Amino acid sequence: MSVHEIHDMTLRDSRMTRKPAMILIIPTRDSEAVAPETPVAGLPLLRRIVVTASRAGCDNILVLDAGPPGLARLLEGTGAALVPLGQLADHHQSRRILLLASDLIPHRLLLKHLLEIPLPAGTMLAPTSGIAVVETLDPRPLLASIAADAVNGGSVFPELARSLNMAQAGSHGNGTGDLLTEGRGWVHVRTRKDLSSAERWLLRGLIKETEGFMSRHVERKVSLAITRRLLGTEITPNQMTVLSVLVGLVGAVFFLSSTPAYQLSGALLFLAHSILDGCDGEIARLKYLESRLGGILDFWGDNLVHVAVFACIGFGWQRAVESSFPLVLAFSAAAGSLLSAGVVYRKTMHTKPAEGPLFTSVTHSETSTRLTTLADALARRDFIYLVVILSAFGRARWFLMLAAIGAPLFFFMLLWISRREGVQT
């Protein structure tokens, strides 16, 4: 066996037996620094950093007890441990150590990338001041040096840069290059003046690439403005879900009338439901309050409102013409909507864990096709603006006619996609 083969085998063995990575958060001691307990988008700054690190997939999170008193209270329920300076070197089980200063908020995907990126031993990658990932064969001296710098009031990150080889901050594929730039992968919170920009950065991160045009440029802007004002309150995501459903159900009642003024009022309340429905997910993601119950309540609450709108349009139309035909259309639209919801729930939500949004797509496929892209596009709620326009002229029944045809067709489309996925797997 050659020397190179022995070396490769040793590397493979070390990768198989290596301990999970560690994230070490170092409180900033600058007198002008933002206090760890300062709320940022509804969560104390330090707690937000810790929970973000946890959501990046790291279970070994330490906070250096070198800052102000009261840090332990901020860590309650997070799984992170507060470590005195003199005991830091005892936590030497991890060769991959990711250091974070408490004066910046990192993006979850950046931390995940830095935890997994390949680095030679004795090398450090530092995208910015306050973030550094180190790969070392012997973590004990490194941790002892960090503790010594913290005790002496020195800056940990410049000292590490002087003692370790610096790696190049390449993208390493997978579209992660943008994460290694400020404003994408992290935001600094050095002074209280930075709090507003940090909150705006967090709010922008809630906008999904898959959102429809009107949702992105109208509804999301309004919902984010509302959410920003609610973050400092005790309102929970589930309370917002219930509120949005009630607004939608009240709006549905207005469609019992064929008068344009009433129908337009109902359509505007329907639109308000859609806007408020975005707030519950925004609050949940910003405060890390996602739950399976909340996701299910949100999903089926939306469908309840849709069915109520179909039913009320049908009953209102039936009263005006004294014919049962509108009720047949309402039944077709409602049945197609509920059947489609059942397929989506079973395929994409039934076994999905609660972390993150429970509903992100109507399809189960991990690979995008023209059919799955079309299905996701049809599931977007830009149709609400058509309801508003038609209702302004007292023609909400036209929307019901379209839904009576489109909802069942959408259901059969989902069945076809599900069948194709079953054949491919």
Protein backbone atom coordinates (compact mmCIF):
# COMPACT_ATOMS: atom_id res chain seq x y z
CA MET A 1 0.00 0.00 0.00
CA SER A 2 1.41 3.38 -1.03
CA VAL A 3 1.84 6.40 1.18
CA HIS A 4 -0.91 8.22 -0.75
CA GLU A 5 -3.32 5.32 -0.24
CA ILE A 6 -2.59 5.30 3.50
CA HIS A 7 -3.17 9.07 3.62
CA ASP A 8 -6.48 8.79 1.74
CA MET A 9 -7.62 5.97 4.04
CA THR A 10 -6.75 8.05 7.10
CA LEU A 11 -8.74 10.98 5.75
CA ARG A 12 -11.74 8.74 5.08
CA ASP A 13 -11.57 7.25 8.57
CA SER A 14 -11.30 10.67 10.19
CA ARG A 15 -14.36 11.87 8.28
CA MET A 16 -16.34 8.83 9.37
CA THR A 17 -15.41 9.20 13.04
CA ARG A 18 -15.29 12.97 13.34
CA LYS A 19 -17.53 14.61 15.91
CA PRO A 20 -20.30 17.03 14.89
CA ALA A 21 -19.26 20.62 14.30
CA MET A 22 -19.48 23.22 17.04
CA ILE A 23 -20.73 26.79 16.86
CA LEU A 24 -19.21 29.19 19.36
CA ILE A 25 -20.88 32.57 19.88
CA ILE A 26 -18.68 35.29 21.34
CA PRO A 27 -20.50 38.23 22.97
CA THR A 28 -19.21 41.62 21.86
CA ARG A 29 -17.69 43.70 24.67
CA ASP A 30 -17.75 47.06 22.89
CA SER A 31 -19.42 49.70 25.05
CA GLU A 32 -21.49 50.89 22.06
CA ALA A 33 -22.54 47.38 21.04
CA VAL A 34 -26.20 46.41 20.97
CA ALA A 35 -27.11 44.55 24.16
CA PRO A 36 -27.78 40.79 23.74
CA GLU A 37 -31.31 41.19 25.09
CA THR A 38 -32.25 43.93 22.58
CA PRO A 39 -35.28 42.80 20.53
CA VAL A 40 -34.71 42.36 16.81
CA ALA A 41 -37.89 41.49 14.89
CA GLY A 42 -39.51 40.14 18.03
CA LEU A 43 -36.61 38.12 19.48
CA PRO A 44 -33.64 39.15 21.66
CA LEU A 45 -30.53 39.52 19.49
CA LEU A 46 -28.52 36.74 21.13
CA ARG A 47 -31.46 34.33 21.15
CA ARG A 48 -32.06 35.00 17.44
CA ILE A 49 -28.45 34.13 16.63
CA VAL A 50 -28.59 30.95 18.71
CA VAL A 51 -31.87 29.72 17.23
CA THR A 52 -30.64 30.50 13.71
CA ALA A 53 -27.56 28.39 14.43
CA SER A 54 -29.78 25.58 15.65
CA ARG A 55 -31.93 25.77 12.51
CA ALA A 56 -28.74 25.44 10.47
CA GLY A 57 -28.51 21.88 11.78
CA CYS A 58 -25.99 22.30 14.59
CA ASP A 59 -26.78 20.71 17.96
CA ASN A 60 -23.51 21.73 19.61
CA ILE A 61 -23.88 25.47 20.29
CA LEU A 62 -21.87 27.25 22.96
CA VAL A 63 -22.08 30.85 24.11
CA LEU A 64 -18.94 32.22 25.72
CA ASP A 65 -19.71 33.67 29.12
CA ALA A 66 -17.63 36.78 28.53
CA GLY A 67 -20.41 39.29 28.21
CA PRO A 68 -22.91 40.99 30.52
CA PRO A 69 -24.86 39.03 33.16
CA GLY A 70 -28.20 37.49 32.32
CA LEU A 71 -27.14 35.59 29.20
CA ALA A 72 -28.41 32.28 30.59
CA ARG A 73 -31.96 33.63 30.66
CA LEU A 74 -31.77 34.41 26.94
CA LEU A 75 -30.75 30.83 26.15
CA GLU A 76 -33.57 29.06 27.99
CA GLY A 77 -35.16 26.39 25.81
CA THR A 78 -32.68 26.78 22.95
CA GLY A 79 -30.37 23.85 23.73
CA ALA A 80 -27.32 26.16 23.74
CA ALA A 81 -24.92 26.11 26.67
CA LEU A 82 -23.29 29.06 28.42
CA VAL A 83 -19.61 28.26 28.95
CA PRO A 84 -17.29 30.09 31.38
CA LEU A 85 -13.99 31.24 29.89
CA GLY A 86 -11.96 28.85 32.02
CA GLN A 87 -13.92 25.82 30.82
CA LEU A 88 -13.94 26.54 27.09
CA ALA A 89 -10.94 24.32 26.34
CA ASP A 90 -12.78 21.36 27.85
CA HIS A 91 -15.15 21.39 24.86
CA HIS A 92 -12.53 20.11 22.43
CA GLN A 93 -14.45 17.27 20.77
CA SER A 94 -15.16 19.07 17.47
CA ARG A 95 -12.57 19.69 14.79
CA ARG A 96 -14.87 22.02 12.84
CA ILE A 97 -15.52 25.18 14.87
CA LEU A 98 -17.68 28.01 13.61
CA LEU A 99 -17.22 31.28 15.50
CA LEU A 100 -19.83 34.02 15.50
CA ALA A 101 -19.70 37.47 17.06
CA SER A 102 -22.89 38.59 18.75
CA ASP A 103 -23.00 41.83 16.74
CA LEU A 104 -24.27 40.26 13.52
CA ILE A 105 -27.18 38.08 12.44
CA PRO A 106 -26.21 35.28 10.05
CA HIS A 107 -28.41 33.61 7.47
CA ARG A 108 -29.28 30.00 8.26
CA LEU A 109 -28.06 28.81 4.85
CA LEU A 110 -24.72 30.59 5.31
CA LEU A 111 -24.12 28.74 8.58
CA LYS A 112 -25.14 25.44 6.99
CA HIS A 113 -22.71 26.11 4.13
CA LEU A 114 -19.84 26.97 6.48
CA LEU A 115 -20.47 23.89 8.60
CA GLU A 116 -20.22 21.62 5.57
CA ILE A 117 -17.65 23.33 3.35
CA PRO A 118 -14.42 21.29 2.90
CA LEU A 119 -11.40 22.90 4.57
CA PRO A 120 -7.84 21.62 5.15
CA ALA A 121 -6.74 21.28 8.76
CA GLY A 122 -5.24 24.46 10.20
CA THR A 123 -7.26 26.64 7.82
CA MET A 124 -9.75 29.40 8.54
CA LEU A 125 -12.38 30.90 6.28
CA ALA A 126 -13.66 34.33 7.36
CA PRO A 127 -16.27 35.90 5.03
CA THR A 128 -16.40 39.02 7.22
CA SER A 129 -15.31 40.31 10.59
CA GLY A 130 -17.35 38.39 13.14
CA ILE A 131 -17.73 35.11 11.22
CA ALA A 132 -15.00 32.49 10.97
CA VAL A 133 -14.96 28.75 10.42
CA VAL A 134 -11.87 26.80 11.45
CA GLU A 135 -10.84 23.22 10.72
CA THR A 136 -8.27 21.92 13.20
CA LEU A 137 -6.83 18.56 14.19
CA ASP A 138 -6.37 19.69 17.79
CA PRO A 139 -9.10 22.09 18.97
CA ARG A 140 -7.88 22.39 22.57
CA PRO A 141 -5.08 24.98 21.92
CA LEU A 142 -7.41 26.92 19.64
CA LEU A 143 -10.13 27.14 22.28
CA ALA A 144 -7.60 28.03 24.98
CA SER A 145 -6.31 30.86 22.78
CA ILE A 146 -9.85 32.15 22.19
CA ALA A 147 -10.53 32.15 25.93
CA ALA A 148 -7.26 33.97 26.64
CA ASP A 149 -8.02 36.67 24.07
CA ALA A 150 -11.49 37.15 25.55
CA VAL A 151 -10.09 37.44 29.09
CA ASN A 152 -7.54 40.04 28.02
CA GLY A 153 -10.14 42.07 26.19
CA GLY A 154 -8.53 41.41 22.84
CA SER A 155 -10.30 40.75 19.58
CA VAL A 156 -10.55 37.04 18.88
CA PHE A 157 -10.95 37.18 15.11
CA PRO A 158 -7.79 39.18 14.18
CA GLU A 159 -5.70 36.92 16.43
CA LEU A 160 -7.05 33.83 14.67
CA ALA A 161 -6.33 35.36 11.27
CA ARG A 162 -2.69 35.89 12.27
CA SER A 163 -2.21 32.33 13.51
CA LEU A 164 -4.07 30.34 10.84
CA ASN A 165 -3.93 29.96 7.09
CA MET A 166 -6.74 31.81 5.33
CA ALA A 167 -8.88 29.92 2.82
CA GLN A 168 -10.38 31.51 -0.28
CA ALA A 169 -14.08 32.29 0.00
CA GLY A 170 -15.18 30.54 -3.20
CA SER A 171 -18.78 29.67 -3.95
CA HIS A 172 -18.17 25.90 -3.91
CA GLY A 173 -21.17 25.42 -6.18
CA ASN A 174 -24.83 25.04 -5.25
CA GLY A 175 -25.39 28.76 -5.70
CA THR A 176 -23.85 29.59 -2.31
CA GLY A 177 -21.56 32.35 -3.59
CA ASP A 178 -24.12 35.09 -2.86
CA LEU A 179 -24.30 33.97 0.77
CA LEU A 180 -20.68 35.03 1.26
CA THR A 181 -21.56 38.71 0.79
CA GLU A 182 -23.01 41.17 3.29
CA GLY A 183 -26.71 41.76 2.83
CA ARG A 184 -27.24 38.19 1.65
CA GLY A 185 -25.47 35.95 4.14
CA TRP A 186 -25.46 38.24 7.17
CA VAL A 187 -26.28 41.68 8.48
CA HIS A 188 -24.26 43.61 11.07
CA VAL A 189 -25.92 44.99 14.23
CA ARG A 190 -23.04 46.97 15.69
CA THR A 191 -25.08 49.90 17.04
CA ARG A 192 -28.73 50.67 17.66
CA LYS A 193 -28.78 52.53 14.35
CA ASP A 194 -28.40 49.15 12.63
CA LEU A 195 -31.55 47.65 14.18
CA SER A 196 -33.93 49.01 11.55
CA SER A 197 -31.80 47.77 8.65
CA ALA A 198 -31.49 44.37 10.34
CA GLU A 199 -35.26 44.08 10.67
CA ARG A 200 -35.73 45.07 7.02
CA TRP A 201 -33.19 42.42 6.03
CA LEU A 202 -35.05 39.76 7.99
CA LEU A 203 -38.39 40.82 6.50
CA ARG A 204 -37.03 40.74 2.93
CA GLY A 205 -35.88 37.20 3.55
CA LEU A 206 -39.52 36.12 3.96
CA ILE A 207 -40.39 36.83 0.32
CA LYS A 208 -40.49 33.57 -1.62
CA GLU A 209 -39.21 33.20 -5.16
CA THR A 210 -42.31 31.16 -6.06
CA GLU A 211 -44.81 33.88 -5.17
CA GLY A 212 -47.14 35.27 -7.82
CA PHE A 213 -46.62 38.74 -9.29
CA MET A 214 -49.40 40.46 -7.35
CA SER A 215 -48.56 38.60 -4.15
CA ARG A 216 -44.94 39.71 -4.34
CA HIS A 217 -45.56 43.33 -5.30
CA VAL A 218 -48.80 44.10 -3.45
CA GLU A 219 -49.91 41.64 -0.78
CA ARG A 220 -46.48 40.82 0.60
CA LYS A 221 -45.53 44.47 0.98
CA VAL A 222 -48.69 45.16 2.96
CA SER A 223 -48.43 42.01 5.08
CA LEU A 224 -44.78 42.70 5.92
CA ALA A 225 -45.67 46.23 7.04
CA ILE A 226 -48.38 44.80 9.31
CA THR A 227 -46.10 42.03 10.59
CA ARG A 228 -43.36 44.49 11.50
CA ARG A 229 -45.77 46.31 13.80
CA LEU A 230 -47.05 43.09 15.35
CA LEU A 231 -43.65 41.59 16.20
CA GLY A 232 -43.38 43.54 19.43
CA THR A 233 -46.78 42.33 20.63
CA GLU A 234 -47.95 39.05 22.15
CA ILE A 235 -50.02 38.11 19.09
CA THR A 236 -49.26 34.53 18.02
CA PRO A 237 -49.24 33.10 14.50
CA ASN A 238 -52.28 30.93 15.24
CA GLN A 239 -54.23 33.97 16.45
CA MET A 240 -53.43 35.71 13.16
CA THR A 241 -54.59 32.62 11.26
CA VAL A 242 -57.92 32.60 13.08
CA LEU A 243 -58.33 36.35 12.48
CA SER A 244 -57.64 36.00 8.76
CA VAL A 245 -60.11 33.11 8.45
CA LEU A 246 -62.82 35.12 10.25
CA VAL A 247 -62.23 38.09 7.92
CA GLY A 248 -62.54 35.75 4.92
CA LEU A 249 -65.75 34.17 6.21
CA VAL A 250 -67.31 37.59 6.84
CA GLY A 251 -66.33 38.57 3.32
CA ALA A 252 -67.99 35.45 1.92
CA VAL A 253 -71.35 36.50 3.41
CA PHE A 254 -71.38 39.67 1.26
CA PHE A 255 -71.50 37.49 -1.88
CA LEU A 256 -75.04 36.44 -0.97
CA SER A 257 -76.07 39.72 -2.60
CA SER A 258 -75.87 40.44 -6.33
CA THR A 259 -75.41 44.17 -5.67
CA PRO A 260 -71.99 45.41 -6.90
CA ALA A 261 -71.33 47.36 -3.68
CA TYR A 262 -71.89 44.28 -1.52
CA GLN A 263 -69.91 41.99 -3.80
CA LEU A 264 -67.02 44.45 -3.96
CA SER A 265 -67.02 44.70 -0.15
CA GLY A 266 -66.88 40.90 0.02
CA ALA A 267 -64.06 40.76 -2.52
CA LEU A 268 -62.03 43.36 -0.62
CA LEU A 269 -62.50 41.40 2.61
CA PHE A 270 -61.45 38.28 0.69
CA LEU A 271 -58.29 40.15 -0.35
CA ALA A 272 -57.76 41.31 3.25
CA HIS A 273 -57.99 37.67 4.32
CA SER A 274 -55.24 36.79 1.86
CA ILE A 275 -53.01 39.61 3.14
CA LEU A 276 -53.55 38.77 6.81
CA ASP A 277 -53.00 35.11 6.00
CA GLY A 278 -49.43 36.03 5.05
CA CYS A 279 -48.84 37.63 8.45
CA ASP A 280 -49.22 34.39 10.42
CA GLY A 281 -46.41 32.68 8.52
CA GLU A 282 -44.23 35.78 8.68
CA ILE A 283 -44.59 36.04 12.46
CA ALA A 284 -43.99 32.29 12.84
CA ARG A 285 -40.78 32.33 10.79
CA LEU A 286 -39.38 35.52 12.30
CA LYS A 287 -40.04 34.37 15.88
CA TYR A 288 -39.27 30.70 15.15
CA LEU A 289 -42.75 29.69 16.26
CA GLU A 290 -43.52 27.29 13.41
CA SER A 291 -45.66 24.35 14.45
CA ARG A 292 -47.41 21.53 12.71
CA LEU A 293 -50.72 22.61 14.22
CA GLY A 294 -50.21 26.13 12.89
CA GLY A 295 -49.41 24.86 9.39
CA ILE A 296 -52.48 22.63 9.30
CA LEU A 297 -54.71 25.39 10.70
CA ASP A 298 -53.41 27.81 8.07
CA PHE A 299 -53.84 25.37 5.17
CA TRP A 300 -57.35 24.18 5.97
CA GLY A 301 -58.45 27.66 7.09
CA ASP A 302 -57.66 28.97 3.59
CA ASN A 303 -59.64 26.18 2.00
CA LEU A 304 -62.58 26.80 4.34
CA VAL A 305 -62.71 30.42 3.21
CA HIS A 306 -62.55 29.40 -0.48
CA VAL A 307 -65.42 26.96 -0.03
CA ALA A 308 -67.45 29.59 1.84
CA VAL A 309 -66.93 32.08 -0.99
CA PHE A 310 -68.01 29.53 -3.62
CA ALA A 311 -71.07 28.57 -1.56
CA CYS A 312 -72.19 32.14 -0.89
CA ILE A 313 -71.79 33.19 -4.53
CA GLY A 314 -73.82 30.14 -5.53
CA PHE A 315 -76.60 30.76 -2.99
CA GLY A 316 -76.77 34.46 -3.87
CA TRP A 317 -77.00 33.69 -7.57
CA GLN A 318 -79.59 30.95 -6.93
CA ARG A 319 -81.81 33.40 -5.03
CA ALA A 320 -81.60 35.91 -7.89
CA VAL A 321 -82.53 33.47 -10.69
CA GLU A 322 -84.55 30.94 -8.68
CA SER A 323 -82.73 28.03 -10.29
CA SER A 324 -80.66 25.19 -8.86
CA PHE A 325 -77.96 25.53 -11.54
CA PRO A 326 -75.81 27.98 -9.49
CA LEU A 327 -75.77 25.51 -6.62
CA VAL A 328 -74.43 22.82 -8.96
CA LEU A 329 -71.62 25.19 -9.96
CA ALA A 330 -70.89 26.02 -6.31
CA PHE A 331 -70.76 22.33 -5.45
CA SER A 332 -68.39 21.64 -8.35
CA ALA A 333 -66.04 24.46 -7.33
CA ALA A 334 -66.12 23.54 -3.64
CA ALA A 335 -65.67 19.81 -4.24
CA GLY A 336 -62.80 20.37 -6.65
CA SER A 337 -61.12 22.71 -4.17
CA LEU A 338 -61.49 20.31 -1.22
CA LEU A 339 -60.39 17.27 -3.23
CA SER A 340 -57.32 19.17 -4.46
CA ALA A 341 -56.56 20.23 -0.88
CA GLY A 342 -56.81 16.62 0.24
CA VAL A 343 -54.33 15.49 -2.41
CA VAL A 344 -51.89 18.29 -1.55
CA TYR A 345 -52.13 17.58 2.16
CA ARG A 346 -51.57 13.85 1.70
CA LYS A 347 -48.68 14.21 -0.74
CA THR A 348 -46.76 17.17 0.65
CA MET A 349 -47.84 17.86 4.23
CA HIS A 350 -49.05 14.69 5.95
CA THR A 351 -45.60 13.42 6.95
CA LYS A 352 -43.62 16.67 6.67
CA PRO A 353 -41.92 17.88 9.89
CA ALA A 354 -43.07 21.17 11.37
CA GLU A 355 -39.76 23.05 11.00
CA GLY A 356 -40.14 25.66 8.31
CA PRO A 357 -43.32 26.34 6.31
CA LEU A 358 -45.53 23.25 6.24
CA PHE A 359 -46.93 24.12 2.82
CA THR A 360 -44.58 25.31 0.07
CA SER A 361 -45.80 23.59 -3.09
CA VAL A 362 -48.82 21.68 -4.38
CA THR A 363 -46.60 18.92 -5.76
CA HIS A 364 -44.41 16.34 -4.12
CA SER A 365 -41.78 16.23 -6.87
CA GLU A 366 -38.29 17.47 -6.10
CA THR A 367 -37.64 18.05 -9.82
CA SER A 368 -39.56 20.76 -11.63
CA THR A 369 -41.41 19.94 -14.84
CA ARG A 370 -43.72 22.01 -17.01
CA LEU A 371 -46.72 20.32 -15.44
CA THR A 372 -45.60 20.82 -11.82
CA THR A 373 -44.65 24.44 -12.59
CA LEU A 374 -48.11 24.99 -14.09
CA ALA A 375 -49.76 23.40 -11.06
CA ASP A 376 -47.86 25.67 -8.66
CA ALA A 377 -48.71 28.71 -10.79
CA LEU A 378 -52.43 27.85 -10.78
CA ALA A 379 -52.37 27.40 -7.00
CA ARG A 380 -51.25 30.98 -6.43
CA ARG A 381 -53.83 33.43 -5.18
CA ASP A 382 -53.53 36.10 -7.85
CA PHE A 383 -57.05 35.03 -8.88
CA ILE A 384 -58.34 37.14 -5.98
CA TYR A 385 -57.77 40.27 -8.06
CA LEU A 386 -60.04 38.84 -10.74
CA VAL A 387 -62.69 38.38 -8.06
CA VAL A 388 -62.28 42.04 -7.05
CA ILE A 389 -62.65 43.28 -10.64
CA LEU A 390 -65.68 41.12 -11.41
CA SER A 391 -67.34 41.96 -8.09
CA ALA A 392 -67.02 45.68 -8.78
CA PHE A 393 -69.52 45.12 -11.60
CA GLY A 394 -71.68 42.63 -9.68
CA ARG A 395 -70.38 39.74 -11.77
CA ALA A 396 -68.88 37.48 -9.09
CA ARG A 397 -70.89 34.62 -10.63
CA TRP A 398 -68.52 34.67 -13.61
CA PHE A 399 -65.73 33.72 -11.25
CA LEU A 400 -67.87 30.89 -9.88
CA MET A 401 -68.38 29.56 -13.40
CA LEU A 402 -64.63 29.56 -14.01
CA ALA A 403 -63.96 27.91 -10.64
CA ALA A 404 -66.63 25.25 -11.26
CA ILE A 405 -64.68 24.14 -14.31
CA GLY A 406 -61.15 24.91 -13.17
CA ALA A 407 -61.22 23.40 -9.65
CA PRO A 408 -62.10 19.84 -10.80
CA LEU A 409 -59.60 20.09 -13.68
CA PHE A 410 -56.92 21.15 -11.20
CA PHE A 411 -57.80 18.15 -9.03
CA PHE A 412 -57.35 15.77 -11.97
CA MET A 413 -54.06 17.50 -12.83
CA LEU A 414 -52.78 16.81 -9.31
CA LEU A 415 -53.88 13.17 -9.60
CA TRP A 416 -52.00 12.86 -12.89
CA ILE A 417 -48.84 14.38 -11.37
CA SER A 418 -49.17 12.06 -8.36
CA ARG A 419 -49.55 9.04 -10.63
CA ARG A 420 -46.45 10.00 -12.65
CA GLU A 421 -44.43 10.44 -9.47
CA GLY A 422 -45.54 7.00 -8.29
CA VAL A 423 -44.43 5.43 -11.56
CA GLN A 424 -41.05 7.20 -11.47
CA THR A 425 -40.32 6.06 -7.89
